[in-house]
């Protein structure tokens, strides 16, 4: 009986904190469907009296939001695929290959996590600008194709795999690349999914780097382009919230559909590590 009560209390507390966490999103969704007279009414209204779709139409006319979303999706997908590939391959080398200086090299990789990204942003910008990559997908994707966090995450998982498995495969004539693609990578799908979702969401929410390397509407991402909905002479909160909701929907959908994979990856690493 006591155990059931504790479980019920835990569920209630989780629901309360969950509602607190999503309350701003729900309020933004409600405002996006409110007409201007209801948004500025007092006392504030939490539920729209009728669905006012003009905010969404005006938002689409005020800025090319669909193009911004497409740019963000391409950039986030490119960075995610790149980081998954480089992280898995580097982690495989650090886990299964014995070469001179392996530990020192891995420490150097981990040390890069202590370097703030802002401190190398100007040098990256000068490099990208010198080769003519500004206002392009290459400038947005290339600097983030590898990350020490992903390498560390995958290496810790690969260390849980028995070394004898690799030695047996080598005796049977299996090459290292084939062992990676046929055995190691399929076994690490949960942690790969976790890394992929995390990378996608982080890239989707990037602001400073896209702001620095893009100046044209055709190459801007959603986090930069959404500011175009706010005009100094016209504070249309319904229009702004409609744009924000459209920008949030893809990342929320990715999280919802990948939630199981994300939890499995984190749990797998925690249990086996």
Protein backbone atom coordinates (compact mmCIF):
# COMPACT_ATOMS: atom_id res chain seq x y z
CA UNK A 1 0.00 0.00 0.00
CA UNK A 2 2.79 2.39 0.97
CA UNK A 3 4.63 1.58 -2.26
CA UNK A 4 1.54 2.41 -4.36
CA UNK A 5 1.10 5.70 -2.51
CA UNK A 6 4.72 6.67 -3.14
CA UNK A 7 4.35 5.80 -6.81
CA UNK A 8 1.17 7.88 -7.08
CA UNK A 9 2.82 10.85 -5.39
CA UNK A 10 5.81 10.51 -7.73
CA UNK A 11 3.51 10.52 -10.77
CA UNK A 12 1.67 13.59 -9.52
CA UNK A 13 4.94 15.46 -8.90
CA UNK A 14 6.22 14.51 -12.37
CA UNK A 15 2.98 15.69 -13.98
CA UNK A 16 3.16 19.02 -12.12
CA UNK A 17 6.76 19.65 -13.14
CA UNK A 18 5.97 18.51 -16.68
CA UNK A 19 3.12 21.02 -16.95
CA UNK A 20 5.37 23.77 -15.60
CA UNK A 21 7.98 22.90 -18.24
CA UNK A 22 5.57 22.95 -21.19
CA UNK A 23 3.40 25.84 -19.95
CA UNK A 24 5.33 28.50 -21.97
CA UNK A 25 4.94 26.42 -25.15
CA UNK A 26 1.22 25.93 -24.56
CA UNK A 27 0.77 29.66 -23.88
CA UNK A 28 2.68 30.56 -27.06
CA UNK A 29 0.45 28.13 -28.98
CA UNK A 30 -2.66 29.75 -27.50
CA UNK A 31 -1.49 33.28 -28.37
CA UNK A 32 -0.70 32.20 -31.94
CA UNK A 33 -4.42 31.45 -32.43
CA UNK A 34 -5.69 34.63 -30.72
CA UNK A 35 -6.87 37.78 -32.56
CA UNK A 36 -5.04 41.01 -31.60
CA UNK A 37 -7.88 42.33 -29.42
CA UNK A 38 -7.81 39.19 -27.23
CA UNK A 39 -4.02 39.15 -26.90
CA UNK A 40 -3.97 42.63 -25.32
CA UNK A 41 -7.14 42.17 -23.27
CA UNK A 42 -7.08 42.45 -19.49
CA UNK A 43 -7.14 40.18 -17.59
CA UNK A 44 -5.03 38.03 -19.90
CA UNK A 45 -6.81 35.15 -21.61
CA UNK A 46 -5.29 31.68 -21.67
CA UNK A 47 -7.63 30.10 -24.22
CA UNK A 48 -8.49 31.70 -27.58
CA UNK A 49 -12.21 32.42 -27.99
CA UNK A 50 -11.87 31.34 -31.63
CA UNK A 51 -9.13 29.97 -33.84
CA UNK A 52 -7.52 32.92 -35.62
CA UNK A 53 -5.40 31.46 -38.45
CA UNK A 54 -4.45 34.81 -39.92
CA UNK A 55 -1.41 34.99 -37.63
CA UNK A 56 0.09 32.00 -39.41
CA UNK A 57 -0.73 33.38 -42.85
CA UNK A 58 0.81 36.74 -41.96
CA UNK A 59 3.91 35.04 -40.55
CA UNK A 60 4.43 33.09 -43.77
CA UNK A 61 4.02 36.29 -45.80
CA UNK A 62 6.32 38.35 -43.56
CA UNK A 63 9.31 35.99 -43.82
CA UNK A 64 10.25 32.84 -45.79
CA UNK A 65 9.84 30.60 -42.76
CA UNK A 66 9.52 27.43 -44.84
CA UNK A 67 12.91 28.20 -46.42
CA UNK A 68 14.42 28.82 -42.96
CA UNK A 69 13.06 25.50 -41.70
CA UNK A 70 14.41 23.70 -44.76
CA UNK A 71 17.85 25.28 -44.26
CA UNK A 72 17.90 24.30 -40.59
CA UNK A 73 16.82 20.76 -41.44
CA UNK A 74 19.55 20.34 -44.06
CA UNK A 75 22.22 21.79 -41.77
CA UNK A 76 21.10 19.78 -38.73
CA UNK A 77 20.90 16.56 -40.74
CA UNK A 78 24.31 17.15 -42.32
CA UNK A 79 25.97 17.85 -38.96
CA UNK A 80 24.24 14.86 -37.37
CA UNK A 81 25.35 12.42 -40.08
CA UNK A 82 28.87 13.83 -40.02
CA UNK A 83 29.23 13.63 -36.25
CA UNK A 84 27.82 10.10 -36.10
CA UNK A 85 30.27 8.89 -38.75
CA UNK A 86 33.36 10.62 -37.35
CA UNK A 87 32.51 9.84 -33.72
CA UNK A 88 31.90 6.14 -34.41
CA UNK A 89 35.04 5.71 -36.48
CA UNK A 90 37.27 7.62 -34.05
CA UNK A 91 35.79 5.82 -31.06
CA UNK A 92 36.34 2.48 -32.78
CA UNK A 93 40.01 3.32 -33.33
CA UNK A 94 40.48 4.44 -29.72
CA UNK A 95 38.75 1.31 -28.40
CA UNK A 96 40.07 -1.53 -30.57
CA UNK A 97 43.36 -0.34 -32.08
CA UNK A 98 46.59 -0.40 -30.10
CA UNK A 99 48.90 2.30 -31.40
CA UNK A 100 51.58 4.47 -29.87
CA UNK A 101 50.28 7.60 -28.20
CA UNK A 102 46.65 6.43 -28.14
CA UNK A 103 45.97 7.60 -24.59
CA UNK A 104 47.71 10.94 -25.09
CA UNK A 105 45.79 11.57 -28.31
CA UNK A 106 42.49 10.74 -26.61
CA UNK A 107 43.33 13.14 -23.76
CA UNK A 108 44.03 15.84 -26.33
CA UNK A 109 40.62 15.16 -27.92
CA UNK A 110 38.92 15.42 -24.53
CA UNK A 111 40.83 18.62 -23.77
CA UNK A 112 39.11 20.32 -26.71
CA UNK A 113 35.83 20.07 -24.76
CA UNK A 114 37.22 22.68 -22.35
CA UNK A 115 37.72 25.22 -25.14
CA UNK A 116 34.67 27.51 -25.46
CA UNK A 117 33.31 27.52 -28.99
CA UNK A 118 33.15 31.32 -28.90
CA UNK A 119 36.94 31.53 -28.52
CA UNK A 120 37.58 29.88 -31.92
CA UNK A 121 34.58 31.32 -33.73
CA UNK A 122 36.43 34.31 -35.20
CA UNK A 123 39.28 32.15 -36.52
CA UNK A 124 36.73 29.75 -38.04
CA UNK A 125 34.93 32.70 -39.61
CA UNK A 126 38.16 34.03 -41.15
CA UNK A 127 38.97 30.57 -42.50
CA UNK A 128 35.49 30.07 -43.96
CA UNK A 129 35.52 33.57 -45.44
CA UNK A 130 38.96 33.15 -47.01
CA UNK A 131 37.81 30.13 -49.03
CA UNK A 132 34.53 31.76 -50.09
CA UNK A 133 32.11 29.61 -48.10
CA UNK A 134 30.07 32.41 -46.51
CA UNK A 135 26.29 32.16 -47.02
CA UNK A 136 26.49 28.46 -47.85
CA UNK A 137 25.65 25.12 -46.29
CA UNK A 138 29.36 24.27 -46.23
CA UNK A 139 30.04 27.11 -43.79
CA UNK A 140 27.21 26.00 -41.51
CA UNK A 141 28.00 22.28 -41.56
CA UNK A 142 31.75 21.73 -41.98
CA UNK A 143 33.06 23.19 -38.66
CA UNK A 144 30.76 20.86 -36.70
CA UNK A 145 31.32 17.57 -38.51
CA UNK A 146 33.29 16.25 -35.55
CA UNK A 147 32.86 16.69 -31.80
CA UNK A 148 34.84 15.43 -28.82
CA UNK A 149 31.61 14.78 -26.92
CA UNK A 150 30.44 12.28 -29.54
CA UNK A 151 33.82 10.55 -29.66
CA UNK A 152 33.91 10.21 -25.88
CA UNK A 153 30.31 8.99 -25.76
CA UNK A 154 30.84 6.29 -28.39
CA UNK A 155 34.22 5.21 -27.00
CA UNK A 156 32.76 4.61 -23.56
CA UNK A 157 30.16 2.35 -25.13
CA UNK A 158 32.66 0.47 -27.31
CA UNK A 159 34.82 -0.24 -24.26
CA UNK A 160 31.97 -2.37 -22.90
CA UNK A 161 32.28 -4.71 -25.89
CA UNK A 162 34.64 -7.66 -25.33
CA UNK A 163 38.04 -7.29 -26.99
CA UNK A 164 37.99 -11.03 -27.62
CA UNK A 165 35.17 -10.50 -30.11
CA UNK A 166 37.46 -8.36 -32.26
CA UNK A 167 40.34 -10.81 -31.97
CA UNK A 168 38.11 -13.73 -32.98
CA UNK A 169 36.85 -11.80 -35.98
CA UNK A 170 40.44 -11.04 -37.06
CA UNK A 171 41.36 -14.73 -36.80
CA UNK A 172 38.39 -15.57 -39.04
CA UNK A 173 39.73 -13.18 -41.65
CA UNK A 174 37.35 -10.30 -40.99
CA UNK A 175 38.82 -6.89 -41.75
CA UNK A 176 38.59 -4.06 -39.21
CA UNK A 177 36.18 -2.06 -41.36
CA UNK A 178 33.94 -5.07 -41.94
CA UNK A 179 33.98 -5.84 -38.20
CA UNK A 180 32.92 -2.26 -37.54
CA UNK A 181 30.13 -2.18 -40.13
CA UNK A 182 28.76 -5.71 -39.58
CA UNK A 183 29.14 -6.18 -35.83
CA UNK A 184 30.04 -3.07 -33.82
CA UNK A 185 27.83 -0.49 -35.51
CA UNK A 186 24.62 -2.60 -35.45
CA UNK A 187 25.22 -3.38 -31.76
CA UNK A 188 25.58 0.33 -30.97
CA UNK A 189 22.36 1.54 -32.61
CA UNK A 190 20.75 2.74 -29.33
CA UNK A 191 23.72 4.93 -28.41
CA UNK A 192 24.06 6.11 -32.02
CA UNK A 193 20.39 7.12 -31.98
CA UNK A 194 20.92 8.98 -28.72
CA UNK A 195 23.93 10.83 -30.15
CA UNK A 196 22.08 11.62 -33.37
CA UNK A 197 19.03 13.12 -31.65
CA UNK A 198 21.17 15.16 -29.28
CA UNK A 199 23.32 16.50 -32.13
CA UNK A 200 20.30 17.32 -34.30
CA UNK A 201 18.56 19.31 -31.56
CA UNK A 202 21.72 21.20 -30.58
CA UNK A 203 22.42 22.11 -34.21
CA UNK A 204 18.80 23.12 -34.80
CA UNK A 205 19.01 25.60 -31.92
CA UNK A 206 22.34 27.16 -32.96
CA UNK A 207 22.26 30.94 -33.14
CA UNK A 208 25.65 32.66 -32.97
CA UNK A 209 27.50 30.79 -35.73
CA UNK A 210 24.66 30.98 -38.31
CA UNK A 211 24.27 34.67 -37.45
CA UNK A 212 27.97 35.21 -38.17
CA UNK A 213 28.30 33.36 -41.49
CA UNK A 214 24.94 34.14 -43.14
CA UNK A 215 23.65 37.45 -44.42
CA UNK A 216 21.16 36.41 -47.10
CA UNK A 217 17.61 35.24 -46.44
CA UNK A 218 18.19 32.24 -48.71
CA UNK A 219 20.87 30.83 -46.40
CA UNK A 220 19.56 31.76 -42.96
CA UNK A 221 18.37 29.21 -40.44
CA UNK A 222 15.22 29.41 -38.35
CA UNK A 223 16.85 30.84 -35.24
CA UNK A 224 18.13 33.81 -37.26
CA UNK A 225 15.19 34.19 -39.60
CA UNK A 226 12.56 34.24 -36.87
CA UNK A 227 13.79 37.69 -35.78
CA UNK A 228 12.49 39.05 -39.09
CA UNK A 229 8.95 38.68 -37.74
CA UNK A 230 9.53 41.39 -35.13
CA UNK A 231 9.24 44.93 -36.41
CA UNK A 232 10.01 47.97 -34.29
CA UNK A 233 6.95 49.80 -35.60
CA UNK A 234 4.57 46.88 -35.22
CA UNK A 235 4.69 44.53 -32.25
CA UNK A 236 2.38 41.78 -33.53
CA UNK A 237 2.74 39.15 -30.83
CA UNK A 238 0.28 36.79 -32.50
CA UNK A 239 2.38 36.80 -35.68
CA UNK A 240 5.62 36.29 -33.71
CA UNK A 241 4.18 33.41 -31.69
CA UNK A 242 2.83 31.79 -34.84
CA UNK A 243 6.35 31.86 -36.31
CA UNK A 244 7.85 30.49 -33.10
CA UNK A 245 5.36 27.62 -33.03
CA UNK A 246 6.19 26.69 -36.63
CA UNK A 247 9.89 26.76 -35.76
CA UNK A 248 9.43 24.62 -32.65
CA UNK A 249 7.26 21.93 -34.23
CA UNK A 250 10.04 20.09 -36.16
CA UNK A 251 12.37 19.88 -33.15
CA UNK A 252 9.52 18.76 -30.88
CA UNK A 253 8.51 16.11 -33.41
CA UNK A 254 12.11 14.85 -33.65
CA UNK A 255 12.30 14.59 -29.87
CA UNK A 256 8.94 12.79 -29.55
CA UNK A 257 9.68 10.22 -32.25
CA UNK A 258 13.26 9.69 -31.06
CA UNK A 259 12.51 9.73 -27.34
CA UNK A 260 12.58 5.93 -27.02
CA UNK A 261 15.90 5.71 -28.86
CA UNK A 262 17.33 8.52 -26.74
CA UNK A 263 16.35 6.85 -23.46
CA UNK A 264 17.58 3.45 -24.64
CA UNK A 265 20.94 4.92 -25.58
CA UNK A 266 21.41 6.73 -22.28
CA UNK A 267 20.25 3.70 -20.26
CA UNK A 268 22.42 1.30 -22.23
CA UNK A 269 25.52 3.38 -21.64
CA UNK A 270 24.70 3.79 -17.95
CA UNK A 271 24.06 0.12 -17.32
CA UNK A 272 26.95 -1.32 -19.34
CA UNK A 273 29.44 1.42 -18.54
